[in-house]
PDB file of N, CA and C in Angstrom:
ATOM      1  N   UNK A   1      -2.524 -12.139 -21.403  1.00  0.00           N
ATOM      2  CA  UNK A   1      -3.328 -11.065 -20.893  1.00  0.00           C
ATOM      3  C   UNK A   1      -2.578  -9.757 -21.118  1.00  0.00           C
ATOM      4  N   UNK A   2      -3.319  -8.727 -21.476  1.00  0.00           N
ATOM      5  CA  UNK A   2      -2.734  -7.396 -21.689  1.00  0.00           C
ATOM      6  C   UNK A   2      -2.756  -6.579 -20.393  1.00  0.00           C
ATOM      7  N   UNK A   3      -1.749  -5.740 -20.237  1.00  0.00           N
ATOM      8  CA  UNK A   3      -1.675  -4.851 -19.089  1.00  0.00           C
ATOM      9  C   UNK A   3      -1.220  -3.465 -19.557  1.00  0.00           C
ATOM     10  N   UNK A   4      -1.779  -2.445 -18.944  1.00  0.00           N
ATOM     11  CA  UNK A   4      -1.340  -1.055 -19.108  1.00  0.00           C
ATOM     12  C   UNK A   4      -0.545  -0.713 -17.843  1.00  0.00           C
ATOM     13  N   UNK A   5       0.678  -0.276 -18.073  1.00  0.00           N
ATOM     14  CA  UNK A   5       1.584   0.050 -16.943  1.00  0.00           C
ATOM     15  C   UNK A   5       1.911   1.545 -17.020  1.00  0.00           C
ATOM     16  N   UNK A   6       1.548   2.268 -15.985  1.00  0.00           N
ATOM     17  CA  UNK A   6       1.947   3.681 -15.847  1.00  0.00           C
ATOM     18  C   UNK A   6       2.979   3.759 -14.748  1.00  0.00           C
ATOM     19  N   UNK A   7       3.984   4.613 -14.952  1.00  0.00           N
ATOM     20  CA  UNK A   7       4.967   4.827 -13.902  1.00  0.00           C
ATOM     21  C   UNK A   7       5.227   6.302 -13.738  1.00  0.00           C
ATOM     22  N   UNK A   8       5.650   6.670 -12.554  1.00  0.00           N
ATOM     23  CA  UNK A   8       6.015   8.050 -12.273  1.00  0.00           C
ATOM     24  C   UNK A   8       7.083   8.051 -11.180  1.00  0.00           C
ATOM     25  N   UNK A   9       7.875   9.112 -11.171  1.00  0.00           N
ATOM     26  CA  UNK A   9       8.935   9.253 -10.175  1.00  0.00           C
ATOM     27  C   UNK A   9       9.126  10.720  -9.877  1.00  0.00           C
ATOM     28  N   UNK A  10       9.792  10.956  -8.799  1.00  0.00           N
ATOM     29  CA  UNK A  10      10.110  12.307  -8.384  1.00  0.00           C
ATOM     30  C   UNK A  10      11.401  12.756  -9.071  1.00  0.00           C
ATOM     31  N   UNK A  11      11.591  14.058  -9.276  1.00  0.00           N
ATOM     32  CA  UNK A  11      12.795  14.554  -9.989  1.00  0.00           C
ATOM     33  C   UNK A  11      14.101  14.142  -9.343  1.00  0.00           C
ATOM     34  N   UNK A  12      14.141  13.918  -8.045  1.00  0.00           N
ATOM     35  CA  UNK A  12      15.400  13.577  -7.389  1.00  0.00           C
ATOM     36  C   UNK A  12      15.952  12.212  -7.774  1.00  0.00           C
ATOM     37  N   UNK A  13      15.168  11.372  -8.419  1.00  0.00           N
ATOM     38  CA  UNK A  13      15.702  10.060  -8.877  1.00  0.00           C
ATOM     39  C   UNK A  13      15.938  10.022 -10.374  1.00  0.00           C
ATOM     40  N   UNK A  14      15.801  11.152 -11.045  1.00  0.00           N
ATOM     41  CA  UNK A  14      15.912  11.167 -12.509  1.00  0.00           C
ATOM     42  C   UNK A  14      17.271  10.641 -12.997  1.00  0.00           C
ATOM     43  N   UNK A  15      18.332  11.042 -12.368  1.00  0.00           N
ATOM     44  CA  UNK A  15      19.673  10.615 -12.789  1.00  0.00           C
ATOM     45  C   UNK A  15      19.822   9.100 -12.610  1.00  0.00           C
ATOM     46  N   UNK A  16      19.411   8.592 -11.442  1.00  0.00           N
ATOM     47  CA  UNK A  16      19.493   7.158 -11.184  1.00  0.00           C
ATOM     48  C   UNK A  16      18.649   6.372 -12.204  1.00  0.00           C
ATOM     49  N   UNK A  17      17.459   6.865 -12.447  1.00  0.00           N
ATOM     50  CA  UNK A  17      16.558   6.188 -13.394  1.00  0.00           C
ATOM     51  C   UNK A  17      17.171   6.172 -14.800  1.00  0.00           C
ATOM     52  N   UNK A  18      17.736   7.276 -15.217  1.00  0.00           N
ATOM     53  CA  UNK A  18      18.332   7.361 -16.532  1.00  0.00           C
ATOM     54  C   UNK A  18      19.518   6.399 -16.650  1.00  0.00           C
ATOM     55  N   UNK A  19      20.362   6.351 -15.627  1.00  0.00           N
ATOM     56  CA  UNK A  19      21.510   5.456 -15.661  1.00  0.00           C
ATOM     57  C   UNK A  19      21.080   3.995 -15.753  1.00  0.00           C
ATOM     58  N   UNK A  20      20.065   3.597 -14.962  1.00  0.00           N
ATOM     59  CA  UNK A  20      19.603   2.217 -14.983  1.00  0.00           C
ATOM     60  C   UNK A  20      18.962   1.900 -16.324  1.00  0.00           C
ATOM     61  N   UNK A  21      18.210   2.832 -16.884  1.00  0.00           N
ATOM     62  CA  UNK A  21      17.578   2.609 -18.176  1.00  0.00           C
ATOM     63  C   UNK A  21      18.626   2.423 -19.262  1.00  0.00           C
ATOM     64  N   UNK A  22      19.669   3.263 -19.241  1.00  0.00           N
ATOM     65  CA  UNK A  22      20.744   3.126 -20.228  1.00  0.00           C
ATOM     66  C   UNK A  22      21.475   1.790 -20.107  1.00  0.00           C
ATOM     67  N   UNK A  23      21.605   1.286 -18.901  1.00  0.00           N
ATOM     68  CA  UNK A  23      22.265  -0.017 -18.681  1.00  0.00           C
ATOM     69  C   UNK A  23      21.391  -1.186 -19.122  1.00  0.00           C
ATOM     70  N   UNK A  24      20.102  -1.104 -18.837  1.00  0.00           N
ATOM     71  CA  UNK A  24      19.220  -2.266 -19.054  1.00  0.00           C
ATOM     72  C   UNK A  24      18.247  -2.078 -20.207  1.00  0.00           C
ATOM     73  N   UNK A  25      18.110  -0.857 -20.699  1.00  0.00           N
ATOM     74  CA  UNK A  25      17.068  -0.515 -21.686  1.00  0.00           C
ATOM     75  C   UNK A  25      15.661  -0.790 -21.155  1.00  0.00           C
ATOM     76  N   UNK A  26      15.566  -0.988 -19.842  1.00  0.00           N
ATOM     77  CA  UNK A  26      14.266  -1.239 -19.260  1.00  0.00           C
ATOM     78  C   UNK A  26      13.648  -2.541 -19.746  1.00  0.00           C
ATOM     79  N   UNK A  27      14.500  -3.453 -20.172  1.00  0.00           N
ATOM     80  CA  UNK A  27      14.000  -4.707 -20.755  1.00  0.00           C
ATOM     81  C   UNK A  27      13.191  -5.484 -19.743  1.00  0.00           C
ATOM     82  N   UNK A  28      12.061  -5.969 -20.167  1.00  0.00           N
ATOM     83  CA  UNK A  28      11.220  -6.796 -19.257  1.00  0.00           C
ATOM     84  C   UNK A  28      11.848  -8.182 -19.066  1.00  0.00           C
ATOM     85  N   UNK A  29      11.503  -8.828 -17.961  1.00  0.00           N
ATOM     86  CA  UNK A  29      12.001 -10.185 -17.756  1.00  0.00           C
ATOM     87  C   UNK A  29      11.338 -11.174 -18.726  1.00  0.00           C
ATOM     88  N   UNK A  30      11.905 -12.353 -18.802  1.00  0.00           N
ATOM     89  CA  UNK A  30      11.293 -13.407 -19.601  1.00  0.00           C
ATOM     90  C   UNK A  30       9.841 -13.582 -19.176  1.00  0.00           C
ATOM     91  N   UNK A  31       8.990 -13.838 -20.150  1.00  0.00           N
ATOM     92  CA  UNK A  31       7.571 -14.028 -19.851  1.00  0.00           C
ATOM     93  C   UNK A  31       6.720 -12.810 -20.112  1.00  0.00           C
ATOM     94  N   UNK A  32       7.369 -11.670 -20.458  1.00  0.00           N
ATOM     95  CA  UNK A  32       6.626 -10.451 -20.757  1.00  0.00           C
ATOM     96  C   UNK A  32       6.994  -9.994 -22.191  1.00  0.00           C
ATOM     97  N   UNK A  33       5.985  -9.750 -22.976  1.00  0.00           N
ATOM     98  CA  UNK A  33       6.180  -9.177 -24.314  1.00  0.00           C
ATOM     99  C   UNK A  33       5.787  -7.723 -24.248  1.00  0.00           C
ATOM    100  N   UNK A  34       6.762  -6.839 -24.425  1.00  0.00           N
ATOM    101  CA  UNK A  34       6.542  -5.405 -24.401  1.00  0.00           C
ATOM    102  C   UNK A  34       5.996  -4.991 -25.768  1.00  0.00           C
ATOM    103  N   UNK A  35       4.782  -4.492 -25.807  1.00  0.00           N
ATOM    104  CA  UNK A  35       4.128  -4.108 -27.059  1.00  0.00           C
ATOM    105  C   UNK A  35       4.444  -2.664 -27.426  1.00  0.00           C
ATOM    106  N   UNK A  36       4.696  -1.819 -26.431  1.00  0.00           N
ATOM    107  CA  UNK A  36       5.042  -0.437 -26.693  1.00  0.00           C
ATOM    108  C   UNK A  36       5.282   0.283 -25.405  1.00  0.00           C
ATOM    109  N   UNK A  37       6.103   1.329 -25.460  1.00  0.00           N
ATOM    110  CA  UNK A  37       6.396   2.115 -24.261  1.00  0.00           C
ATOM    111  C   UNK A  37       6.608   3.558 -24.723  1.00  0.00           C
ATOM    112  N   UNK A  38       6.006   4.481 -23.955  1.00  0.00           N
ATOM    113  CA  UNK A  38       6.089   5.894 -24.282  1.00  0.00           C
ATOM    114  C   UNK A  38       6.448   6.669 -23.029  1.00  0.00           C
ATOM    115  N   UNK A  39       7.301   7.704 -23.244  1.00  0.00           N
ATOM    116  CA  UNK A  39       7.780   8.518 -22.126  1.00  0.00           C
ATOM    117  C   UNK A  39       7.307   9.967 -22.331  1.00  0.00           C
ATOM    118  N   UNK A  40       6.801  10.562 -21.265  1.00  0.00           N
ATOM    119  CA  UNK A  40       6.341  11.943 -21.322  1.00  0.00           C
ATOM    120  C   UNK A  40       7.560  12.886 -21.383  1.00  0.00           C
ATOM    121  N   UNK A  41       7.389  13.967 -22.080  1.00  0.00           N
ATOM    122  CA  UNK A  41       8.455  14.970 -22.178  1.00  0.00           C
ATOM    123  C   UNK A  41       8.392  15.882 -20.928  1.00  0.00           C
ATOM    124  N   UNK A  42       9.515  16.116 -20.326  1.00  0.00           N
ATOM    125  CA  UNK A  42       9.578  17.053 -19.221  1.00  0.00           C
ATOM    126  C   UNK A  42       9.183  16.503 -17.866  1.00  0.00           C
ATOM    127  N   UNK A  43       9.018  15.188 -17.768  1.00  0.00           N
ATOM    128  CA  UNK A  43       8.707  14.566 -16.481  1.00  0.00           C
ATOM    129  C   UNK A  43       9.205  13.135 -16.485  1.00  0.00           C
ATOM    130  N   UNK A  44       9.167  12.526 -15.338  1.00  0.00           N
ATOM    131  CA  UNK A  44       9.531  11.112 -15.248  1.00  0.00           C
ATOM    132  C   UNK A  44       8.193  10.345 -15.118  1.00  0.00           C
ATOM    133  N   UNK A  45       7.518  10.277 -16.222  1.00  0.00           N
ATOM    134  CA  UNK A  45       6.221   9.634 -16.310  1.00  0.00           C
ATOM    135  C   UNK A  45       6.145   8.896 -17.624  1.00  0.00           C
ATOM    136  N   UNK A  46       5.516   7.743 -17.631  1.00  0.00           N
ATOM    137  CA  UNK A  46       5.386   7.030 -18.876  1.00  0.00           C
ATOM    138  C   UNK A  46       4.305   5.974 -18.787  1.00  0.00           C
ATOM    139  N   UNK A  47       4.108   5.338 -19.932  1.00  0.00           N
ATOM    140  CA  UNK A  47       3.108   4.271 -20.035  1.00  0.00           C
ATOM    141  C   UNK A  47       3.628   3.189 -20.962  1.00  0.00           C
ATOM    142  N   UNK A  48       3.314   1.964 -20.636  1.00  0.00           N
ATOM    143  CA  UNK A  48       3.681   0.832 -21.477  1.00  0.00           C
ATOM    144  C   UNK A  48       2.468  -0.095 -21.591  1.00  0.00           C
ATOM    145  N   UNK A  49       2.438  -0.803 -22.682  1.00  0.00           N
ATOM    146  CA  UNK A  49       1.450  -1.878 -22.862  1.00  0.00           C
ATOM    147  C   UNK A  49       2.255  -3.160 -23.057  1.00  0.00           C
ATOM    148  N   UNK A  50       1.921  -4.172 -22.246  1.00  0.00           N
ATOM    149  CA  UNK A  50       2.630  -5.406 -22.323  1.00  0.00           C
ATOM    150  C   UNK A  50       1.662  -6.573 -22.240  1.00  0.00           C
ATOM    151  N   UNK A  51       2.175  -7.739 -22.573  1.00  0.00           N
ATOM    152  CA  UNK A  51       1.376  -8.948 -22.608  1.00  0.00           C
ATOM    153  C   UNK A  51       2.135 -10.035 -21.858  1.00  0.00           C
ATOM    154  N   UNK A  52       1.400 -10.749 -21.016  1.00  0.00           N
ATOM    155  CA  UNK A  52       2.018 -11.878 -20.319  1.00  0.00           C
ATOM    156  C   UNK A  52       0.926 -12.877 -19.900  1.00  0.00           C
ATOM    157  N   UNK A  53       1.327 -14.139 -19.790  1.00  0.00           N
ATOM    158  CA  UNK A  53       0.388 -15.175 -19.401  1.00  0.00           C
ATOM    159  C   UNK A  53       0.350 -15.370 -17.898  1.00  0.00           C
ATOM    160  N   UNK A  54       1.423 -15.032 -17.244  1.00  0.00           N
ATOM    161  CA  UNK A  54       1.546 -15.152 -15.784  1.00  0.00           C
ATOM    162  C   UNK A  54       1.768 -13.787 -15.196  1.00  0.00           C
ATOM    163  N   UNK A  55       1.226 -13.519 -14.020  1.00  0.00           N
ATOM    164  CA  UNK A  55       1.383 -12.209 -13.377  1.00  0.00           C
ATOM    165  C   UNK A  55       2.728 -12.047 -12.691  1.00  0.00           C
ATOM    166  N   UNK A  56       3.385 -13.133 -12.336  1.00  0.00           N
ATOM    167  CA  UNK A  56       4.623 -13.068 -11.586  1.00  0.00           C
ATOM    168  C   UNK A  56       5.733 -12.277 -12.280  1.00  0.00           C
ATOM    169  N   UNK A  57       5.969 -12.486 -13.599  1.00  0.00           N
ATOM    170  CA  UNK A  57       7.016 -11.693 -14.243  1.00  0.00           C
ATOM    171  C   UNK A  57       6.716 -10.197 -14.218  1.00  0.00           C
ATOM    172  N   UNK A  58       5.451  -9.829 -14.335  1.00  0.00           N
ATOM    173  CA  UNK A  58       5.071  -8.420 -14.280  1.00  0.00           C
ATOM    174  C   UNK A  58       5.317  -7.836 -12.898  1.00  0.00           C
ATOM    175  N   UNK A  59       4.945  -8.597 -11.897  1.00  0.00           N
ATOM    176  CA  UNK A  59       5.210  -8.145 -10.524  1.00  0.00           C
ATOM    177  C   UNK A  59       6.704  -8.007 -10.258  1.00  0.00           C
ATOM    178  N   UNK A  60       7.494  -8.950 -10.792  1.00  0.00           N
ATOM    179  CA  UNK A  60       8.958  -8.882 -10.607  1.00  0.00           C
ATOM    180  C   UNK A  60       9.546  -7.671 -11.280  1.00  0.00           C
ATOM    181  N   UNK A  61       9.074  -7.381 -12.500  1.00  0.00           N
ATOM    182  CA  UNK A  61       9.560  -6.214 -13.250  1.00  0.00           C
ATOM    183  C   UNK A  61       9.280  -4.931 -12.483  1.00  0.00           C
ATOM    184  N   UNK A  62       8.069  -4.793 -11.957  1.00  0.00           N
ATOM    185  CA  UNK A  62       7.735  -3.594 -11.170  1.00  0.00           C
ATOM    186  C   UNK A  62       8.583  -3.554  -9.886  1.00  0.00           C
ATOM    187  N   UNK A  63       8.769  -4.684  -9.241  1.00  0.00           N
ATOM    188  CA  UNK A  63       9.572  -4.713  -8.035  1.00  0.00           C
ATOM    189  C   UNK A  63      11.022  -4.329  -8.309  1.00  0.00           C
ATOM    190  N   UNK A  64      11.536  -4.753  -9.459  1.00  0.00           N
ATOM    191  CA  UNK A  64      12.946  -4.430  -9.821  1.00  0.00           C
ATOM    192  C   UNK A  64      13.170  -2.926  -9.943  1.00  0.00           C
ATOM    193  N   UNK A  65      12.115  -2.187 -10.240  1.00  0.00           N
ATOM    194  CA  UNK A  65      12.229  -0.724 -10.423  1.00  0.00           C
ATOM    195  C   UNK A  65      11.550   0.075  -9.292  1.00  0.00           C
ATOM    196  N   UNK A  66      11.013  -0.624  -8.302  1.00  0.00           N
ATOM    197  CA  UNK A  66      10.212   0.018  -7.253  1.00  0.00           C
ATOM    198  C   UNK A  66      11.022   0.981  -6.387  1.00  0.00           C
ATOM    199  N   UNK A  67      12.335   0.892  -6.393  1.00  0.00           N
ATOM    200  CA  UNK A  67      13.126   1.843  -5.613  1.00  0.00           C
ATOM    201  C   UNK A  67      13.164   3.209  -6.292  1.00  0.00           C
ATOM    202  N   UNK A  68      12.768   3.281  -7.558  1.00  0.00           N
ATOM    203  CA  UNK A  68      12.809   4.529  -8.309  1.00  0.00           C
ATOM    204  C   UNK A  68      11.414   5.033  -8.765  1.00  0.00           C
ATOM    205  N   UNK A  69      10.519   4.123  -8.968  1.00  0.00           N
ATOM    206  CA  UNK A  69       9.230   4.499  -9.543  1.00  0.00           C
ATOM    207  C   UNK A  69       8.044   3.973  -8.730  1.00  0.00           C
ATOM    208  N   UNK A  70       6.934   4.676  -8.869  1.00  0.00           N
ATOM    209  CA  UNK A  70       5.663   4.171  -8.413  1.00  0.00           C
ATOM    210  C   UNK A  70       4.887   3.701  -9.654  1.00  0.00           C
ATOM    211  N   UNK A  71       4.229   2.557  -9.539  1.00  0.00           N
ATOM    212  CA  UNK A  71       3.546   1.946 -10.672  1.00  0.00           C
ATOM    213  C   UNK A  71       2.043   1.869 -10.457  1.00  0.00           C
ATOM    214  N   UNK A  72       1.339   1.979 -11.543  1.00  0.00           N
ATOM    215  CA  UNK A  72      -0.094   1.726 -11.581  1.00  0.00           C
ATOM    216  C   UNK A  72      -0.297   0.744 -12.736  1.00  0.00           C
ATOM    217  N   UNK A  73      -0.625  -0.500 -12.422  1.00  0.00           N
ATOM    218  CA  UNK A  73      -0.744  -1.560 -13.433  1.00  0.00           C
ATOM    219  C   UNK A  73      -2.174  -2.058 -13.452  1.00  0.00           C
ATOM    220  N   UNK A  74      -2.741  -2.050 -14.669  1.00  0.00           N
ATOM    221  CA  UNK A  74      -4.139  -2.447 -14.817  1.00  0.00           C
ATOM    222  C   UNK A  74      -4.278  -3.468 -15.946  1.00  0.00           C
ATOM    223  N   UNK A  75      -5.107  -4.484 -15.765  1.00  0.00           N
ATOM    224  CA  UNK A  75      -5.401  -5.365 -16.907  1.00  0.00           C
ATOM    225  C   UNK A  75      -6.176  -4.595 -17.953  1.00  0.00           C
ATOM    226  N   UNK A  76      -6.015  -5.001 -19.192  1.00  0.00           N
ATOM    227  CA  UNK A  76      -6.657  -4.299 -20.296  1.00  0.00           C
ATOM    228  C   UNK A  76      -7.253  -5.304 -21.287  1.00  0.00           C
ATOM    229  N   UNK A  77      -8.227  -4.844 -22.060  1.00  0.00           N
ATOM    230  CA  UNK A  77      -8.790  -5.641 -23.126  1.00  0.00           C
ATOM    231  C   UNK A  77      -8.828  -4.779 -24.398  1.00  0.00           C
ATOM    232  N   UNK A  78      -8.864  -5.454 -25.520  1.00  0.00           N
ATOM    233  CA  UNK A  78      -8.832  -4.785 -26.817  1.00  0.00           C
ATOM    234  C   UNK A  78     -10.228  -4.312 -27.216  1.00  0.00           C
ATOM    235  N   UNK A  79     -10.270  -3.481 -28.261  1.00  0.00           N
ATOM    236  CA  UNK A  79     -11.561  -3.071 -28.825  1.00  0.00           C
ATOM    237  C   UNK A  79     -12.395  -4.274 -29.228  1.00  0.00           C
ATOM    238  N   UNK A  80     -11.739  -5.243 -29.848  1.00  0.00           N
ATOM    239  CA  UNK A  80     -12.437  -6.455 -30.306  1.00  0.00           C
ATOM    240  C   UNK A  80     -13.067  -7.194 -29.125  1.00  0.00           C
ATOM    241  N   UNK A  81     -12.341  -7.297 -28.012  1.00  0.00           N
ATOM    242  CA  UNK A  81     -12.851  -7.991 -26.840  1.00  0.00           C
ATOM    243  C   UNK A  81     -14.025  -7.230 -26.213  1.00  0.00           C
ATOM    244  N   UNK A  82     -13.889  -5.898 -26.167  1.00  0.00           N
ATOM    245  CA  UNK A  82     -15.000  -5.082 -25.644  1.00  0.00           C
ATOM    246  C   UNK A  82     -16.208  -5.207 -26.558  1.00  0.00           C
ATOM    247  N   UNK A  83     -15.979  -5.163 -27.876  1.00  0.00           N
ATOM    248  CA  UNK A  83     -17.086  -5.277 -28.800  1.00  0.00           C
ATOM    249  C   UNK A  83     -17.832  -6.592 -28.641  1.00  0.00           C
ATOM    250  N   UNK A  84     -17.097  -7.685 -28.482  1.00  0.00           N
ATOM    251  CA  UNK A  84     -17.739  -8.974 -28.292  1.00  0.00           C
ATOM    252  C   UNK A  84     -18.535  -9.008 -27.001  1.00  0.00           C
ATOM    253  N   UNK A  85     -17.942  -8.489 -25.938  1.00  0.00           N
ATOM    254  CA  UNK A  85     -18.619  -8.448 -24.648  1.00  0.00           C
ATOM    255  C   UNK A  85     -19.921  -7.642 -24.730  1.00  0.00           C
ATOM    256  N   UNK A  86     -19.858  -6.486 -25.395  1.00  0.00           N
ATOM    257  CA  UNK A  86     -21.058  -5.655 -25.543  1.00  0.00           C
ATOM    258  C   UNK A  86     -22.107  -6.334 -26.412  1.00  0.00           C
ATOM    259  N   UNK A  87     -21.674  -6.984 -27.472  1.00  0.00           N
ATOM    260  CA  UNK A  87     -22.629  -7.697 -28.327  1.00  0.00           C
ATOM    261  C   UNK A  87     -23.256  -8.853 -27.582  1.00  0.00           C
ATOM    262  N   UNK A  88     -22.478  -9.588 -26.838  1.00  0.00           N
ATOM    263  CA  UNK A  88     -23.021 -10.696 -26.036  1.00  0.00           C
ATOM    264  C   UNK A  88     -24.030 -10.178 -25.021  1.00  0.00           C
ATOM    265  N   UNK A  89     -23.697  -9.082 -24.383  1.00  0.00           N
ATOM    266  CA  UNK A  89     -24.611  -8.477 -23.394  1.00  0.00           C
ATOM    267  C   UNK A  89     -25.905  -8.039 -24.079  1.00  0.00           C
ATOM    268  N   UNK A  90     -25.774  -7.366 -25.209  1.00  0.00           N
ATOM    269  CA  UNK A  90     -26.968  -6.890 -25.926  1.00  0.00           C
ATOM    270  C   UNK A  90     -27.851  -8.054 -26.343  1.00  0.00           C
ATOM    271  N   UNK A  91     -27.236  -9.175 -26.746  1.00  0.00           N
ATOM    272  CA  UNK A  91     -27.990 -10.338 -27.170  1.00  0.00           C
ATOM    273  C   UNK A  91     -28.787 -10.968 -26.029  1.00  0.00           C
ATOM    274  N   UNK A  92     -28.299 -10.798 -24.823  1.00  0.00           N
ATOM    275  CA  UNK A  92     -29.012 -11.360 -23.636  1.00  0.00           C
ATOM    276  C   UNK A  92     -30.146 -10.449 -23.150  1.00  0.00           C
ATOM    277  N   UNK A  93     -30.226  -9.234 -23.659  1.00  0.00           N
ATOM    278  CA  UNK A  93     -31.254  -8.278 -23.201  1.00  0.00           C
ATOM    279  C   UNK A  93     -32.591  -8.545 -23.854  1.00  0.00           C
TER     280      UNK A  93
END
């Protein structure tokens, strides 16, 4: 299953967040495939897209960083999946 992960933090934790990122590279735990991650310029905000079969590793990853960041995690589907869903819906109309 795909997930979109947004994170944000306040400026007062920027140094701590940078130090932890440099130590860990923000690597996800086993069970998560990180497809991409992007960081906003001039703020402590970013977005990642990841894939996992179980929700527990994703929850653990967020929990491991929860002392520094607030997270918004949403399940996601691809264009192909949306297209199939819309075509199936249209066929039933």
